[in-house]
Structure formats: C-alpha cells, structure tokens
Amino acid sequence: MSDKEVKIGEKTIGENTKISLSVKMALWIISGFIFLFTTAFTIGYIDVKNDVKEYKAQMDKDKSEFIKAVEDKLDEKLGTFQAKDEEFIKEMGDMKGNIKVILDRTSGIRNNNAPTINNASEHSPPDM
C-alpha cells in the first residue's frame, strides 16, 4: 500500500481506483434531488401564497380605513361649508328684508313730499 491509498474496511481506495455509477443509481440520485427541490419550492410557494393573502387582507383593511377617514373629513368640511352657506342665505334674507323696509320708508317719504294738486295751490307763491 502506497502513501496515496486509503484502506476502508476491506477495500483499498487510491489514485488508480475506479468509481463506477450505474444508471439506476444515477436515476435514484437525480430523483432524490428533484424530490427535495420540489418539496422546498412547494413549501416556499405555499408560504409566499399565505403571505400574499395576509398582505392583501391588510391592504384592504388599510384602504377601507383610509377611505373612511377621507369620507369623515369630507363630511366634516362639507358640514362646515353647509353651515356657512345657511348663515349666508339667512344674512341675505335679512338684508333683503332691510332693503325692503328702507325702500318702503323712502317711497313713503317721497310720496309725502311730492306736490299734489291740493297742496300745489297752498304752496304757490302769492301773486304780486
């Protein structure tokens, strides 16, 4: 036995040892690798699929909460604008009433100061 040979049990393995692989053994090794990779990829796919479902559910929840918050904010702003509009309409009604009163009073003053036939003779200057 030389320095480059190793004895394992009753067999001696060295530089000149030939290792042979039968087709049957190669198919078993290949099928084992395929089984391992298929199992790993299947487990990974199921795990990713579950993560995607959870992410989608969370995104749907976040989206609905965001939409609800936006709707609440819009309702609040619209309520403010509606209150301002109602106040503005009320003020316009008050101004319309005030204008009507002013016009009625001024038309009454104009009618009282307008010369009439009876008043015209009383206010005419005396003849000279």
C-alpha atoms as a PDB file:
ATOM      1  CA  MET A   1       0.000   0.000   0.000  1.00  0.00           C
ATOM      2  CA  SER A   2       1.383   3.368  -1.054  1.00  0.00           C
ATOM      3  CA  ASP A   3       1.025   6.750   0.684  1.00  0.00           C
ATOM      4  CA  LYS A   4      -1.801   7.800  -1.603  1.00  0.00           C
ATOM      5  CA  GLU A   5      -4.007   4.830  -0.845  1.00  0.00           C
ATOM      6  CA  VAL A   6      -6.532   4.561   1.976  1.00  0.00           C
ATOM      7  CA  LYS A   7      -7.880   1.336   3.359  1.00  0.00           C
ATOM      8  CA  ILE A   8     -11.547   1.436   4.353  1.00  0.00           C
ATOM      9  CA  GLY A   9     -12.713  -1.820   5.781  1.00  0.00           C
ATOM     10  CA  GLU A  10     -11.566  -4.474   3.332  1.00  0.00           C
ATOM     11  CA  LYS A  11     -11.379  -2.097   0.364  1.00  0.00           C
ATOM     12  CA  THR A  12      -8.390  -0.044  -0.619  1.00  0.00           C
ATOM     13  CA  ILE A  13      -9.029   3.285  -2.349  1.00  0.00           C
ATOM     14  CA  GLY A  14      -6.264   5.168  -4.095  1.00  0.00           C
ATOM     15  CA  GLU A  15      -5.294   7.037  -7.271  1.00  0.00           C
ATOM     16  CA  ASN A  16      -5.952   4.087  -9.522  1.00  0.00           C
ATOM     17  CA  THR A  17      -9.348   3.213  -8.024  1.00  0.00           C
ATOM     18  CA  LYS A  18     -12.243   3.482 -10.469  1.00  0.00           C
ATOM     19  CA  ILE A  19     -15.599   4.624  -9.231  1.00  0.00           C
ATOM     20  CA  SER A  20     -18.488   3.437 -11.307  1.00  0.00           C
ATOM     21  CA  LEU A  21     -22.030   4.694 -11.212  1.00  0.00           C
ATOM     22  CA  SER A  22     -24.830   2.636 -12.579  1.00  0.00           C
ATOM     23  CA  VAL A  23     -27.732   4.249 -14.449  1.00  0.00           C
ATOM     24  CA  LYS A  24     -30.125   3.009 -11.807  1.00  0.00           C
ATOM     25  CA  MET A  25     -28.111   4.672  -9.020  1.00  0.00           C
ATOM     26  CA  ALA A  26     -27.848   7.925 -11.056  1.00  0.00           C
ATOM     27  CA  LEU A  27     -31.637   7.977 -11.538  1.00  0.00           C
ATOM     28  CA  TRP A  28     -32.167   7.475  -7.799  1.00  0.00           C
ATOM     29  CA  ILE A  29     -29.815  10.365  -7.015  1.00  0.00           C
ATOM     30  CA  ILE A  30     -31.466  12.657  -9.614  1.00  0.00           C
ATOM     31  CA  SER A  31     -34.969  11.751  -8.447  1.00  0.00           C
ATOM     32  CA  GLY A  32     -33.916  12.422  -4.831  1.00  0.00           C
ATOM     33  CA  PHE A  33     -32.685  15.914  -5.786  1.00  0.00           C
ATOM     34  CA  ILE A  34     -35.868  16.565  -7.772  1.00  0.00           C
ATOM     35  CA  PHE A  35     -37.967  15.454  -4.788  1.00  0.00           C
ATOM     36  CA  LEU A  36     -36.031  17.713  -2.399  1.00  0.00           C
ATOM     37  CA  PHE A  37     -36.222  20.746  -4.704  1.00  0.00           C
ATOM     38  CA  THR A  38     -39.910  20.156  -5.469  1.00  0.00           C
ATOM     39  CA  THR A  39     -40.700  19.863  -1.763  1.00  0.00           C
ATOM     40  CA  ALA A  40     -38.716  23.004  -0.936  1.00  0.00           C
ATOM     41  CA  PHE A  41     -40.334  25.000  -3.764  1.00  0.00           C
ATOM     42  CA  THR A  42     -43.826  23.785  -2.806  1.00  0.00           C
ATOM     43  CA  ILE A  43     -43.331  24.785   0.815  1.00  0.00           C
ATOM     44  CA  GLY A  44     -41.920  28.148  -0.316  1.00  0.00           C
ATOM     45  CA  TYR A  45     -44.854  28.696  -2.704  1.00  0.00           C
ATOM     46  CA  ILE A  46     -47.427  27.931  -0.015  1.00  0.00           C
ATOM     47  CA  ASP A  47     -45.612  30.206   2.433  1.00  0.00           C
ATOM     48  CA  VAL A  48     -45.452  33.054  -0.101  1.00  0.00           C
ATOM     49  CA  LYS A  49     -49.093  32.489  -1.045  1.00  0.00           C
ATOM     50  CA  ASN A  50     -50.132  32.810   2.611  1.00  0.00           C
ATOM     51  CA  ASP A  51     -48.022  35.959   2.973  1.00  0.00           C
ATOM     52  CA  VAL A  52     -49.690  37.446  -0.120  1.00  0.00           C
ATOM     53  CA  LYS A  53     -53.145  36.669   1.299  1.00  0.00           C
ATOM     54  CA  GLU A  54     -52.258  38.311   4.615  1.00  0.00           C
ATOM     55  CA  TYR A  55     -50.740  41.314   2.837  1.00  0.00           C
ATOM     56  CA  LYS A  56     -53.809  41.693   0.627  1.00  0.00           C
ATOM     57  CA  ALA A  57     -56.149  41.457   3.630  1.00  0.00           C
ATOM     58  CA  GLN A  58     -54.084  44.077   5.491  1.00  0.00           C
ATOM     59  CA  MET A  59     -54.030  46.358   2.434  1.00  0.00           C
ATOM     60  CA  ASP A  60     -57.808  46.031   2.021  1.00  0.00           C
ATOM     61  CA  LYS A  61     -58.258  46.888   5.694  1.00  0.00           C
ATOM     62  CA  ASP A  62     -55.877  49.862   5.445  1.00  0.00           C
ATOM     63  CA  LYS A  63     -57.574  51.052   2.269  1.00  0.00           C
ATOM     64  CA  SER A  64     -61.041  50.870   3.817  1.00  0.00           C
ATOM     65  CA  GLU A  65     -59.807  52.725   6.929  1.00  0.00           C
ATOM     66  CA  PHE A  66     -58.206  55.402   4.736  1.00  0.00           C
ATOM     67  CA  ILE A  67     -61.370  55.795   2.659  1.00  0.00           C
ATOM     68  CA  LYS A  68     -63.445  56.029   5.853  1.00  0.00           C
ATOM     69  CA  ALA A  69     -61.093  58.700   7.238  1.00  0.00           C
ATOM     70  CA  VAL A  70     -61.292  60.687   3.988  1.00  0.00           C
ATOM     71  CA  GLU A  71     -65.089  60.420   3.933  1.00  0.00           C
ATOM     72  CA  ASP A  72     -65.291  61.586   7.551  1.00  0.00           C
ATOM     73  CA  LYS A  73     -63.010  64.537   6.798  1.00  0.00           C
ATOM     74  CA  LEU A  74     -65.072  65.442   3.716  1.00  0.00           C
ATOM     75  CA  ASP A  75     -68.310  65.193   5.684  1.00  0.00           C
ATOM     76  CA  GLU A  76     -66.830  67.472   8.327  1.00  0.00           C
ATOM     77  CA  LYS A  77     -65.697  70.032   5.745  1.00  0.00           C
ATOM     78  CA  LEU A  78     -68.983  69.831   3.839  1.00  0.00           C
ATOM     79  CA  GLY A  79     -70.882  70.325   7.095  1.00  0.00           C
ATOM     80  CA  THR A  80     -68.815  73.440   7.775  1.00  0.00           C
ATOM     81  CA  PHE A  81     -69.466  74.775   4.280  1.00  0.00           C
ATOM     82  CA  GLN A  82     -73.166  73.945   4.545  1.00  0.00           C
ATOM     83  CA  ALA A  83     -73.419  75.824   7.846  1.00  0.00           C
ATOM     84  CA  LYS A  84     -71.638  78.812   6.285  1.00  0.00           C
ATOM     85  CA  ASP A  85     -73.974  78.689   3.278  1.00  0.00           C
ATOM     86  CA  GLU A  86     -77.049  78.565   5.505  1.00  0.00           C
ATOM     87  CA  GLU A  87     -75.729  81.502   7.514  1.00  0.00           C
ATOM     88  CA  PHE A  88     -75.023  83.409   4.288  1.00  0.00           C
ATOM     89  CA  ILE A  89     -78.534  82.698   2.964  1.00  0.00           C
ATOM     90  CA  LYS A  90     -80.042  83.859   6.267  1.00  0.00           C
ATOM     91  CA  GLU A  91     -77.975  87.061   6.125  1.00  0.00           C
ATOM     92  CA  MET A  92     -79.115  87.632   2.533  1.00  0.00           C
ATOM     93  CA  GLY A  93     -82.733  87.234   3.643  1.00  0.00           C
ATOM     94  CA  ASP A  94     -82.163  89.720   6.466  1.00  0.00           C
ATOM     95  CA  MET A  95     -80.539  92.178   4.047  1.00  0.00           C
ATOM     96  CA  LYS A  96     -83.416  91.721   1.603  1.00  0.00           C
ATOM     97  CA  GLY A  97     -85.886  92.471   4.387  1.00  0.00           C
ATOM     98  CA  ASN A  98     -83.875  95.527   5.458  1.00  0.00           C
ATOM     99  CA  ILE A  99     -83.710  96.796   1.869  1.00  0.00           C
ATOM    100  CA  LYS A 100     -87.454  96.322   1.518  1.00  0.00           C
ATOM    101  CA  VAL A 101     -88.084  98.294   4.708  1.00  0.00           C
ATOM    102  CA  ILE A 102     -85.742 101.063   3.561  1.00  0.00           C
ATOM    103  CA  LEU A 103     -87.412 101.229   0.148  1.00  0.00           C
ATOM    104  CA  ASP A 104     -90.877 101.304   1.713  1.00  0.00           C
ATOM    105  CA  ARG A 105     -89.873 104.131   4.043  1.00  0.00           C
ATOM    106  CA  THR A 106     -88.121 106.140   1.355  1.00  0.00           C
ATOM    107  CA  SER A 107     -91.006 105.731  -1.052  1.00  0.00           C
ATOM    108  CA  GLY A 108     -93.321 106.918   1.706  1.00  0.00           C
ATOM    109  CA  ILE A 109     -91.149 109.995   2.239  1.00  0.00           C
ATOM    110  CA  ARG A 110     -91.079 110.714  -1.485  1.00  0.00           C
ATOM    111  CA  ASN A 111     -94.835 110.382  -1.744  1.00  0.00           C
ATOM    112  CA  ASN A 112     -95.398 112.756   1.183  1.00  0.00           C
ATOM    113  CA  ASN A 113     -93.080 115.417  -0.274  1.00  0.00           C
ATOM    114  CA  ALA A 114     -94.422 115.156  -3.788  1.00  0.00           C
ATOM    115  CA  PRO A 115     -96.646 118.114  -4.684  1.00  0.00           C
ATOM    116  CA  THR A 116    -100.252 117.264  -5.158  1.00  0.00           C
ATOM    117  CA  ILE A 117    -102.932 119.373  -6.816  1.00  0.00           C
ATOM    118  CA  ASN A 118    -104.393 120.445  -3.499  1.00  0.00           C
ATOM    119  CA  ASN A 119    -101.020 121.135  -1.983  1.00  0.00           C
ATOM    120  CA  ALA A 120     -99.771 122.964  -5.034  1.00  0.00           C
ATOM    121  CA  SER A 121    -102.257 125.820  -4.575  1.00  0.00           C
ATOM    122  CA  GLU A 122    -101.401 126.148  -0.942  1.00  0.00           C
ATOM    123  CA  HIS A 123     -97.697 126.348  -1.537  1.00  0.00           C
ATOM    124  CA  SER A 124     -97.721 128.590  -4.543  1.00  0.00           C
ATOM    125  CA  PRO A 125     -96.185 131.999  -4.084  1.00  0.00           C
ATOM    126  CA  PRO A 126     -98.544 134.867  -3.627  1.00  0.00           C
ATOM    127  CA  ASP A 127     -99.483 136.934  -6.662  1.00  0.00           C
ATOM    128  CA  MET A 128     -97.920 140.361  -6.878  1.00  0.00           C
END
